[in-house]
C-alpha atoms as a PDB file:
ATOM      1  CA  ARG A   1      -8.491 -13.050  19.687  1.00  0.00           C
ATOM      2  CA  PHE A   2      -6.343 -15.843  18.278  1.00  0.00           C
ATOM      3  CA  TYR A   3      -6.422 -18.823  20.804  1.00  0.00           C
ATOM      4  CA  GLY A   4      -2.731 -20.429  20.975  1.00  0.00           C
ATOM      5  CA  GLY A   5      -3.391 -23.816  20.568  1.00  0.00           C
ATOM      6  CA  GLY A   6      -5.953 -26.630  17.698  1.00  0.00           C
ATOM      7  CA  ILE A   7      -7.725 -24.359  15.462  1.00  0.00           C
ATOM      8  CA  GLY A   8      -6.183 -21.132  16.218  1.00  0.00           C
ATOM      9  CA  ARG A   9      -2.782 -22.351  16.413  1.00  0.00           C
ATOM     10  CA  MET A  10      -2.903 -24.726  12.822  1.00  0.00           C
ATOM     11  CA  LEU A  11      -3.817 -21.121  11.259  1.00  0.00           C
ATOM     12  CA  ARG A  12      -1.597 -19.211  11.851  1.00  0.00           C
ATOM     13  CA  ALA A  13       0.732 -21.371   9.751  1.00  0.00           C
ATOM     14  CA  GLY A  14       0.311 -19.346   6.739  1.00  0.00           C
ATOM     15  CA  HIS A  15       1.923 -17.495   4.076  1.00  0.00           C
ATOM     16  CA  SER A  16       0.371 -13.605   3.442  1.00  0.00           C
ATOM     17  CA  HIS A  17      -3.188 -11.522   1.656  1.00  0.00           C
ATOM     18  CA  ILE A  18      -5.582 -13.911   0.468  1.00  0.00           C
ATOM     19  CA  VAL A  19      -6.806 -14.599   3.759  1.00  0.00           C
ATOM     20  CA  LEU A  20      -8.404 -17.344   6.638  1.00  0.00           C
ATOM     21  CA  ILE A  21     -11.280 -15.703   8.480  1.00  0.00           C
ATOM     22  CA  LEU A  22     -11.790 -16.971  11.435  1.00  0.00           C
ATOM     23  CA  CYS A  23     -14.604 -14.433  13.373  1.00  0.00           C
ATOM     24  CA  SER A  24     -16.390 -15.349  16.792  1.00  0.00           C
ATOM     25  CA  ILE A  25     -15.623 -19.173  16.699  1.00  0.00           C
ATOM     26  CA  LEU A  26     -11.611 -18.692  17.950  1.00  0.00           C
ATOM     27  CA  GLU A  27     -13.422 -16.513  21.205  1.00  0.00           C
ATOM     28  CA  PHE A  28     -15.558 -19.413  21.771  1.00  0.00           C
ATOM     29  CA  VAL A  29     -12.721 -22.028  21.720  1.00  0.00           C
ATOM     30  CA  SER A  30     -10.352 -19.571  24.210  1.00  0.00           C
ATOM     31  CA  SER A  31     -13.065 -19.396  26.474  1.00  0.00           C
ATOM     32  CA  GLU A  32     -14.481 -23.004  26.353  1.00  0.00           C
ATOM     33  CA  ILE A  33     -11.657 -24.917  26.502  1.00  0.00           C
ATOM     34  CA  SER A  34      -9.402 -26.182  29.346  1.00  0.00           C
ATOM     35  CA  ALA A  35      -7.183 -29.092  29.110  1.00  0.00           C
ATOM     36  CA  ASP A  36      -8.269 -30.810  25.991  1.00  0.00           C
ATOM     37  CA  LYS A  37      -7.682 -27.557  24.197  1.00  0.00           C
ATOM     38  CA  PHE A  38      -5.206 -28.942  21.227  1.00  0.00           C
ATOM     39  CA  GLN A  39      -8.270 -31.790  20.990  1.00  0.00           C
ATOM     40  CA  TYR A  40     -11.021 -29.320  21.002  1.00  0.00           C
ATOM     41  CA  HIS A  41     -12.008 -28.943  17.322  1.00  0.00           C
ATOM     42  CA  CYS A  42     -11.753 -33.139  17.200  1.00  0.00           C
ATOM     43  CA  GLY A  43     -14.783 -34.726  15.452  1.00  0.00           C
ATOM     44  CA  LYS A  44     -16.387 -31.429  14.654  1.00  0.00           C
ATOM     45  CA  LYS A  45     -17.598 -30.294  11.433  1.00  0.00           C
ATOM     46  CA  LEU A  46     -16.753 -26.617  10.252  1.00  0.00           C
ATOM     47  CA  ARG A  47     -18.589 -24.837   7.939  1.00  0.00           C
ATOM     48  CA  VAL A  48     -16.722 -22.995   5.726  1.00  0.00           C
ATOM     49  CA  ALA A  49     -18.024 -19.676   3.168  1.00  0.00           C
ATOM     50  CA  PHE A  50     -16.344 -19.144   0.176  1.00  0.00           C
ATOM     51  CA  ASN A  51     -16.352 -17.174  -2.963  1.00  0.00           C
ATOM     52  CA  THR A  52     -15.769 -18.679  -6.733  1.00  0.00           C
ATOM     53  CA  GLN A  53     -12.653 -16.455  -7.822  1.00  0.00           C
ATOM     54  CA  GLU A  54     -10.236 -17.973  -9.525  1.00  0.00           C
ATOM     55  CA  PRO A  55      -7.406 -19.570  -9.157  1.00  0.00           C
ATOM     56  CA  TYR A  56      -8.329 -19.020  -5.394  1.00  0.00           C
ATOM     57  CA  VAL A  57     -11.162 -21.391  -5.488  1.00  0.00           C
ATOM     58  CA  ILE A  58     -12.184 -23.159  -8.405  1.00  0.00           C
ATOM     59  CA  VAL A  59     -15.566 -24.710  -8.333  1.00  0.00           C
ATOM     60  CA  ASP A  60     -18.465 -26.415 -10.715  1.00  0.00           C
ATOM     61  CA  THR A  61     -21.032 -24.972  -9.402  1.00  0.00           C
ATOM     62  CA  THR A  62     -24.048 -26.748 -10.866  1.00  0.00           C
ATOM     63  CA  LYS A  63     -22.719 -29.701  -8.836  1.00  0.00           C
ATOM     64  CA  CYS A  64     -23.544 -27.980  -5.521  1.00  0.00           C
ATOM     65  CA  SER A  65     -26.593 -28.570  -3.779  1.00  0.00           C
ATOM     66  CA  LEU A  66     -28.672 -26.023  -1.527  1.00  0.00           C
ATOM     67  CA  ARG A  67     -25.178 -24.175  -1.832  1.00  0.00           C
ATOM     68  CA  LYS A  68     -23.433 -27.173  -0.380  1.00  0.00           C
ATOM     69  CA  CYS A  69     -20.562 -27.913  -2.353  1.00  0.00           C
ATOM     70  CA  PRO A  70     -18.908 -31.433  -2.154  1.00  0.00           C
ATOM     71  CA  PRO A  71     -15.468 -32.342  -2.851  1.00  0.00           C
ATOM     72  CA  GLU A  72     -15.585 -33.953  -6.562  1.00  0.00           C
ATOM     73  CA  ALA A  73     -17.755 -30.034  -7.980  1.00  0.00           C
ATOM     74  CA  PHE A  74     -14.420 -28.528  -7.203  1.00  0.00           C
ATOM     75  CA  LYS A  75     -12.199 -28.737 -10.060  1.00  0.00           C
ATOM     76  CA  ASN A  76      -8.685 -28.560 -11.268  1.00  0.00           C
ATOM     77  CA  GLY A  77      -7.569 -29.099  -7.493  1.00  0.00           C
ATOM     78  CA  GLY A  78      -9.853 -27.239  -6.246  1.00  0.00           C
ATOM     79  CA  GLY A  79      -7.883 -23.675  -6.245  1.00  0.00           C
ATOM     80  CA  VAL A  80      -5.379 -22.323  -4.171  1.00  0.00           C
ATOM     81  CA  SER A  81      -7.492 -21.742  -0.817  1.00  0.00           C
ATOM     82  CA  TYR A  82      -9.316 -24.570  -1.104  1.00  0.00           C
ATOM     83  CA  GLN A  83      -5.652 -26.834  -1.271  1.00  0.00           C
ATOM     84  CA  PHE A  84      -4.371 -24.595   1.503  1.00  0.00           C
ATOM     85  CA  LEU A  85      -7.691 -25.742   3.406  1.00  0.00           C
ATOM     86  CA  MET A  86      -7.859 -29.752   2.669  1.00  0.00           C
ATOM     87  CA  ASN A  87      -4.098 -30.598   1.758  1.00  0.00           C
ATOM     88  CA  ASP A  88      -2.283 -27.927   4.335  1.00  0.00           C
ATOM     89  CA  LEU A  89      -4.247 -27.200   7.158  1.00  0.00           C
ATOM     90  CA  LEU A  90      -6.829 -29.835   7.208  1.00  0.00           C
ATOM     91  CA  PRO A  91      -3.846 -32.599   8.204  1.00  0.00           C
ATOM     92  CA  GLN A  92      -2.126 -30.581  10.717  1.00  0.00           C
ATOM     93  CA  LEU A  93      -5.603 -30.198  12.646  1.00  0.00           C
ATOM     94  CA  ASN A  94      -5.949 -34.233  12.419  1.00  0.00           C
ATOM     95  CA  LYS A  95      -2.320 -34.736  14.135  1.00  0.00           C
ATOM     96  CA  TYR A  96      -3.968 -33.587  17.132  1.00  0.00           C
ATOM     97  CA  CYS A  97      -7.000 -36.021  16.747  1.00  0.00           C
ATOM     98  CA  ASP A  98      -7.964 -39.232  17.877  1.00  0.00           C
ATOM     99  CA  ALA A  99      -8.896 -42.341  15.041  1.00  0.00           C
ATOM    100  CA  GLY A 100     -12.358 -41.239  13.959  1.00  0.00           C
ATOM    101  CA  GLN A 101     -12.404 -37.640  15.562  1.00  0.00           C
ATOM    102  CA  THR A 102     -10.804 -36.042  12.897  1.00  0.00           C
ATOM    103  CA  VAL A 103     -12.089 -32.897  11.323  1.00  0.00           C
ATOM    104  CA  GLN A 104     -14.813 -32.274   8.690  1.00  0.00           C
ATOM    105  CA  PHE A 105     -15.090 -28.992   6.262  1.00  0.00           C
ATOM    106  CA  ASP A 106     -18.262 -28.081   4.827  1.00  0.00           C
ATOM    107  CA  TRP A 107     -18.030 -25.397   2.051  1.00  0.00           C
ATOM    108  CA  TYR A 108     -20.659 -23.329   1.007  1.00  0.00           C
ATOM    109  CA  LEU A 109     -21.721 -21.134  -1.266  1.00  0.00           C
ATOM    110  CA  PRO A 110     -23.282 -17.181  -0.951  1.00  0.00           C
ATOM    111  CA  GLU A 111     -27.073 -17.137  -0.979  1.00  0.00           C
ATOM    112  CA  LEU A 112     -27.133 -15.401  -4.223  1.00  0.00           C
ATOM    113  CA  ALA A 113     -25.685 -16.333  -7.711  1.00  0.00           C
ATOM    114  CA  LYS A 114     -24.289 -12.574  -8.366  1.00  0.00           C
ATOM    115  CA  ASP A 115     -22.489 -12.636  -5.372  1.00  0.00           C
ATOM    116  CA  TYR A 116     -20.466 -16.302  -5.811  1.00  0.00           C
ATOM    117  CA  SER A 117     -17.528 -14.252  -6.877  1.00  0.00           C
ATOM    118  CA  SER A 118     -17.355 -11.219  -4.690  1.00  0.00           C
ATOM    119  CA  GLU A 119     -15.298 -10.198  -2.200  1.00  0.00           C
ATOM    120  CA  TYR A 120     -17.463  -9.653   1.020  1.00  0.00           C
ATOM    121  CA  SER A 121     -20.178 -11.731   0.581  1.00  0.00           C
ATOM    122  CA  PRO A 122     -18.387 -14.877   2.889  1.00  0.00           C
ATOM    123  CA  LEU A 123     -17.318 -12.001   5.288  1.00  0.00           C
ATOM    124  CA  SER A 124     -20.848 -10.717   5.196  1.00  0.00           C
ATOM    125  CA  MET A 125     -21.918 -14.762   6.603  1.00  0.00           C
ATOM    126  CA  VAL A 126     -19.341 -14.971   8.905  1.00  0.00           C
ATOM    127  CA  CYS A 127     -19.544 -11.593  10.705  1.00  0.00           C
ATOM    128  CA  ARG A 128     -23.600 -11.727  10.483  1.00  0.00           C
ATOM    129  CA  ASN A 129     -23.584 -15.405  11.495  1.00  0.00           C
ATOM    130  CA  SER A 130     -25.854 -16.162   8.995  1.00  0.00           C
ATOM    131  CA  PHE A 131     -26.235 -18.001   5.324  1.00  0.00           C
ATOM    132  CA  ALA A 132     -28.665 -14.962   4.189  1.00  0.00           C
ATOM    133  CA  ALA A 133     -27.539 -11.938   2.303  1.00  0.00           C
ATOM    134  CA  GLY A 134     -27.616  -9.342   4.670  1.00  0.00           C
ATOM    135  CA  PRO A 135     -27.302  -5.576   4.804  1.00  0.00           C
ATOM    136  CA  VAL A 136     -24.863  -3.370   3.411  1.00  0.00           C
ATOM    137  CA  ASP A 137     -23.193  -0.374   4.647  1.00  0.00           C
ATOM    138  CA  ASP A 138     -22.539   3.185   2.431  1.00  0.00           C
ATOM    139  CA  PHE A 139     -19.117   1.534   1.623  1.00  0.00           C
ATOM    140  CA  GLY A 140     -20.840  -1.578   0.196  1.00  0.00           C
ATOM    141  CA  LEU A 141     -19.015  -2.993   3.431  1.00  0.00           C
ATOM    142  CA  PRO A 142     -21.184  -6.005   5.525  1.00  0.00           C
ATOM    143  CA  VAL A 143     -23.149  -4.655   7.941  1.00  0.00           C
ATOM    144  CA  CYS A 144     -21.789  -6.964  11.124  1.00  0.00           C
ATOM    145  CA  GLU A 145     -25.088  -7.407  13.424  1.00  0.00           C
ATOM    146  CA  PRO A 146     -25.607 -10.608  14.025  1.00  0.00           C
ATOM    147  CA  ALA A 147     -29.140 -11.995  14.799  1.00  0.00           C
ATOM    148  CA  VAL A 148     -27.982 -14.922  17.361  1.00  0.00           C
ATOM    149  CA  PRO A 149     -24.337 -15.328  19.180  1.00  0.00           C
ATOM    150  CA  TYR A 150     -21.731 -18.021  17.869  1.00  0.00           C
ATOM    151  CA  ALA A 151     -22.438 -20.804  19.248  1.00  0.00           C
ATOM    152  CA  GLY A 152     -19.145 -22.753  17.758  1.00  0.00           C
ATOM    153  CA  PRO A 153     -18.728 -25.987  15.725  1.00  0.00           C
ATOM    154  CA  THR A 154     -21.315 -28.631  15.340  1.00  0.00           C
ATOM    155  CA  ASP A 155     -20.234 -32.620  16.425  1.00  0.00           C
ATOM    156  CA  GLN A 156     -19.753 -34.909  13.003  1.00  0.00           C
ATOM    157  CA  GLY A 157     -22.678 -36.796  12.292  1.00  0.00           C
ATOM    158  CA  ALA A 158     -25.286 -33.659  12.609  1.00  0.00           C
ATOM    159  CA  CYS A 159     -26.214 -30.337  10.194  1.00  0.00           C
ATOM    160  CA  ILE A 160     -25.444 -31.997   7.341  1.00  0.00           C
ATOM    161  CA  SER A 161     -27.259 -29.144   4.916  1.00  0.00           C
ATOM    162  CA  LEU A 162     -28.753 -25.893   5.725  1.00  0.00           C
ATOM    163  CA  LYS A 163     -32.339 -26.620   6.138  1.00  0.00           C
ATOM    164  CA  SER A 164     -30.811 -29.101   9.063  1.00  0.00           C
ATOM    165  CA  THR A 165     -31.883 -27.733  12.409  1.00  0.00           C
ATOM    166  CA  ASP A 166     -29.812 -29.576  14.592  1.00  0.00           C
ATOM    167  CA  CYS A 167     -27.128 -27.246  13.524  1.00  0.00           C
ATOM    168  CA  LYS A 168     -25.199 -25.854  16.836  1.00  0.00           C
ATOM    169  CA  SER A 169     -24.673 -21.901  15.186  1.00  0.00           C
ATOM    170  CA  ALA A 170     -26.748 -20.306  12.652  1.00  0.00           C
ATOM    171  CA  GLY A 171     -23.778 -19.547   9.911  1.00  0.00           C
ATOM    172  CA  PRO A 172     -20.532 -20.646   9.050  1.00  0.00           C
ATOM    173  CA  ASP A 173     -17.807 -20.625  11.330  1.00  0.00           C
ATOM    174  CA  LEU A 174     -15.079 -19.640   9.000  1.00  0.00           C
ATOM    175  CA  ALA A 175     -14.613 -17.915   5.114  1.00  0.00           C
ATOM    176  CA  ILE A 176     -11.903 -18.330   3.107  1.00  0.00           C
ATOM    177  CA  GLY A 177     -10.771 -17.329  -0.190  1.00  0.00           C
ATOM    178  CA  SER A 178     -10.127 -13.896  -1.746  1.00  0.00           C
ATOM    179  CA  LEU A 179     -10.703 -12.119   1.170  1.00  0.00           C
ATOM    180  CA  PRO A 180      -9.283  -8.308   0.955  1.00  0.00           C
ATOM    181  CA  ILE A 181      -7.504  -7.212   4.314  1.00  0.00           C
ATOM    182  CA  THR A 182      -8.627  -3.400   5.137  1.00  0.00           C
ATOM    183  CA  ARG A 183      -9.130  -1.309   7.942  1.00  0.00           C
ATOM    184  CA  GLU A 184     -12.660  -1.583   7.180  1.00  0.00           C
ATOM    185  CA  THR A 185     -12.295  -5.244   6.983  1.00  0.00           C
ATOM    186  CA  ALA A 186     -10.451  -6.016   9.956  1.00  0.00           C
ATOM    187  CA  LEU A 187     -12.987  -3.813  12.216  1.00  0.00           C
ATOM    188  CA  ARG A 188     -15.464  -6.459  11.358  1.00  0.00           C
ATOM    189  CA  ALA A 189     -13.772  -9.878  11.586  1.00  0.00           C
ATOM    190  CA  ASP A 190     -10.903 -11.627  13.052  1.00  0.00           C
ATOM    191  CA  PHE A 191      -8.281 -12.711  10.338  1.00  0.00           C
ATOM    192  CA  ALA A 192      -5.560 -15.143  10.118  1.00  0.00           C
ATOM    193  CA  VAL A 193      -2.248 -14.631   9.226  1.00  0.00           C
ATOM    194  CA  ALA A 194      -2.381 -14.418   5.344  1.00  0.00           C
ATOM    195  CA  TYR A 195      -1.595 -17.782   4.014  1.00  0.00           C
ATOM    196  CA  LEU A 196      -1.028 -15.534   0.225  1.00  0.00           C
ATOM    197  CA  GLU A 197      -0.053 -12.544  -1.003  1.00  0.00           C
ATOM    198  CA  THR A 198      -1.533 -11.190  -4.425  1.00  0.00           C
ATOM    199  CA  THR A 199      -0.129  -7.844  -5.967  1.00  0.00           C
ATOM    200  CA  PHE A 200      -1.871  -5.482  -8.825  1.00  0.00           C
ATOM    201  CA  THR A 201       0.539  -4.816 -11.536  1.00  0.00           C
ATOM    202  CA  VAL A 202      -0.464  -2.428 -15.320  1.00  0.00           C
ATOM    203  CA  VAL A 203       0.603  -3.813 -18.762  1.00  0.00           C
ATOM    204  CA  LYS A 204       1.256  -1.191 -21.104  1.00  0.00           C
ATOM    205  CA  ARG A 205       2.172  -1.573 -24.498  1.00  0.00           C
ATOM    206  CA  PRO A 206       6.006  -1.125 -24.695  1.00  0.00           C
ATOM    207  CA  THR A 207       6.923   2.568 -25.999  1.00  0.00           C
ATOM    208  CA  ILE A 208       8.784   3.447 -29.589  1.00  0.00           C
ATOM    209  CA  LEU A 209      11.801   4.185 -28.469  1.00  0.00           C
ATOM    210  CA  LEU A 210      13.940   6.885 -30.734  1.00  0.00           C
ATOM    211  CA  PRO A 211      17.661   5.760 -31.596  1.00  0.00           C
ATOM    212  CA  ASP A 212      20.231   6.081 -29.560  1.00  0.00           C
ATOM    213  CA  ILE A 213      21.456   8.915 -31.509  1.00  0.00           C
ATOM    214  CA  LEU A 214      18.493  11.474 -30.410  1.00  0.00           C
ATOM    215  CA  ALA A 215      18.405  10.455 -26.974  1.00  0.00           C
ATOM    216  CA  VAL A 216      19.736  13.846 -25.803  1.00  0.00           C
ATOM    217  CA  PHE A 217      16.847  15.273 -26.654  1.00  0.00           C
ATOM    218  CA  GLN A 218      14.115  12.771 -24.666  1.00  0.00           C
ATOM    219  CA  PRO A 219      14.781  14.662 -21.026  1.00  0.00           C
ATOM    220  CA  PHE A 220      12.661  17.424 -22.503  1.00  0.00           C
ATOM    221  CA  THR A 221       9.623  17.323 -24.780  1.00  0.00           C
ATOM    222  CA  ALA A 222       8.882  19.111 -28.016  1.00  0.00           C
ATOM    223  CA  LYS A 223       7.133  22.786 -27.354  1.00  0.00           C
ATOM    224  CA  LEU A 224      10.208  22.851 -24.414  1.00  0.00           C
ATOM    225  CA  TRP A 225      12.762  22.397 -27.202  1.00  0.00           C
ATOM    226  CA  PHE A 226      11.477  24.688 -28.937  1.00  0.00           C
ATOM    227  CA  LEU A 227      10.993  27.504 -26.668  1.00  0.00           C
ATOM    228  CA  ILE A 228      14.731  26.880 -25.560  1.00  0.00           C
ATOM    229  CA  VAL A 229      15.319  27.692 -29.468  1.00  0.00           C
ATOM    230  CA  VAL A 230      13.242  31.130 -29.128  1.00  0.00           C
ATOM    231  CA  GLU A 231      15.173  32.090 -25.550  1.00  0.00           C
ATOM    232  CA  VAL A 232      18.784  31.891 -27.713  1.00  0.00           C
ATOM    233  CA  LEU A 233      17.298  33.909 -30.259  1.00  0.00           C
ATOM    234  CA  ILE A 234      16.061  36.712 -28.162  1.00  0.00           C
ATOM    235  CA  VAL A 235      19.129  36.431 -26.534  1.00  0.00           C
ATOM    236  CA  THR A 236      20.908  36.523 -29.435  1.00  0.00           C
ATOM    237  CA  ILE A 237      19.179  39.628 -30.644  1.00  0.00           C
ATOM    238  CA  ALA A 238      19.343  41.632 -27.459  1.00  0.00           C
ATOM    239  CA  ILE A 239      23.300  41.010 -27.423  1.00  0.00           C
ATOM    240  CA  LEU A 240      23.126  43.073 -30.849  1.00  0.00           C
ATOM    241  CA  LEU A 241      21.047  45.980 -29.832  1.00  0.00           C
ATOM    242  CA  VAL A 242      22.183  46.251 -26.418  1.00  0.00           C
ATOM    243  CA  GLU A 243      26.129  45.764 -27.049  1.00  0.00           C
ATOM    244  CA  ALA A 244      26.278  46.825 -30.426  1.00  0.00           C
ATOM    245  CA  PRO A 245      26.269  50.370 -29.705  1.00  0.00           C
ATOM    246  CA  LYS A 246      28.795  50.300 -26.829  1.00  0.00           C
ATOM    247  CA  GLU A 247      32.046  52.164 -27.041  1.00  0.00           C
ATOM    248  CA  GLY A 248      34.705  49.410 -27.558  1.00  0.00           C
ATOM    249  CA  ASN A 249      32.493  47.401 -29.981  1.00  0.00           C
ATOM    250  CA  GLU A 250      33.430  48.514 -32.776  1.00  0.00           C
ATOM    251  CA  ASN A 251      33.788  45.383 -34.384  1.00  0.00           C
ATOM    252  CA  LEU A 252      30.162  44.796 -33.973  1.00  0.00           C
ATOM    253  CA  GLN A 253      29.477  48.331 -36.122  1.00  0.00           C
ATOM    254  CA  THR A 254      32.164  47.579 -38.711  1.00  0.00           C
ATOM    255  CA  ASP A 255      31.639  44.014 -39.521  1.00  0.00           C
ATOM    256  CA  PRO A 256      29.804  42.468 -41.882  1.00  0.00           C
ATOM    257  CA  TRP A 257      25.992  41.102 -40.689  1.00  0.00           C
ATOM    258  CA  HIS A 258      26.562  37.794 -40.863  1.00  0.00           C
ATOM    259  CA  TYR A 259      29.457  38.051 -38.962  1.00  0.00           C
ATOM    260  CA  VAL A 260      27.858  39.960 -35.967  1.00  0.00           C
ATOM    261  CA  PHE A 261      25.167  37.957 -35.635  1.00  0.00           C
ATOM    262  CA  TYR A 262      27.255  34.635 -35.718  1.00  0.00           C
ATOM    263  CA  ASP A 263      29.146  36.439 -32.333  1.00  0.00           C
ATOM    264  CA  ALA A 264      26.278  37.344 -30.757  1.00  0.00           C
ATOM    265  CA  LEU A 265      24.473  33.670 -31.142  1.00  0.00           C
ATOM    266  CA  PHE A 266      27.732  32.144 -30.159  1.00  0.00           C
ATOM    267  CA  PHE A 267      27.881  34.062 -27.196  1.00  0.00           C
ATOM    268  CA  SER A 268      24.041  33.159 -26.380  1.00  0.00           C
ATOM    269  CA  MET A 269      24.233  29.575 -27.175  1.00  0.00           C
ATOM    270  CA  ALA A 270      27.626  29.423 -24.823  1.00  0.00           C
ATOM    271  CA  SER A 271      25.557  31.217 -22.225  1.00  0.00           C
ATOM    272  CA  PHE A 272      22.748  28.345 -22.746  1.00  0.00           C
ATOM    273  CA  PHE A 273      25.026  25.976 -21.820  1.00  0.00           C
ATOM    274  CA  ASP A 274      27.467  27.070 -19.577  1.00  0.00           C
ATOM    275  CA  PRO A 275      27.301  24.362 -16.627  1.00  0.00           C
ATOM    276  CA  GLY A 276      28.079  26.896 -14.246  1.00  0.00           C
ATOM    277  CA  GLY A 277      29.432  29.834 -13.311  1.00  0.00           C
ATOM    278  CA  SER A 278      28.662  33.038 -14.348  1.00  0.00           C
ATOM    279  CA  GLY A 279      27.187  31.846 -17.629  1.00  0.00           C
ATOM    280  CA  LYS A 280      23.618  31.868 -16.374  1.00  0.00           C
ATOM    281  CA  GLY A 281      24.335  34.317 -13.281  1.00  0.00           C
ATOM    282  CA  ALA A 282      22.252  37.333 -13.168  1.00  0.00           C
ATOM    283  CA  VAL A 283      24.524  39.902 -14.253  1.00  0.00           C
ATOM    284  CA  THR A 284      24.619  38.016 -17.581  1.00  0.00           C
ATOM    285  CA  TRP A 285      22.021  38.527 -20.308  1.00  0.00           C
ATOM    286  CA  GLY A 286      21.575  35.447 -20.871  1.00  0.00           C
ATOM    287  CA  GLY A 287      20.379  35.040 -17.178  1.00  0.00           C
ATOM    288  CA  LYS A 288      18.454  37.574 -17.144  1.00  0.00           C
ATOM    289  CA  LEU A 289      15.808  36.697 -19.964  1.00  0.00           C
END
């Protein structure tokens, strides 16, 4: 539901996952604009709902009055989201406007101090068309049932604070900041193209690597290597018990025991390490065991 010109058009020039949300404002713009569609936003004041997650928005909340934060409240350039809106988007919007009819952004915090950094507080304010904290569902997401319909942005010179009675709409016009785009949130608001992508990375301490000479033992655990040794010994004993009494194996019957054990162990090891063929075939003792 994005309008092809004006505000909607400019918001499409983003980059990708920290997002800018426009809710009912885009629907209102698309239904009200006619020939002057590229200048509809000119001379308007857009109230922005935001959260205070750094580095997206960096603000000194003590300098905000009645939740409205003036430009001097934003520290270190205001953060990624603040710079995107004020330094990148705003000049593009003003290109369509005549002198004295530019766009103005007013920045507003969530209602409760504990929600200043919440990812869902700005979304709740926009989709409910209200600056007041609203109910949430079983998943902690805002219940988007606006008390009054969205009426569009206010003309500049009016609506100077939350106590003003001349505001055209009851709630903010858009939200910006670290706002997650999920299936649930996409059902509650219209998202513009994301202008920054963030990812999560798990960092762990480096493991102590074994010397290269012992690298051959890394594929298996110590327990598995122990079981392999036990298997070889079992096969060795099985060969002695089964093959020695057979006719034609007189050397197993007459040779000293350590020679016999060595031969049996050799056959067991050869069967175990055989890379293929019949070494592990079903007909061999190693394969059967």
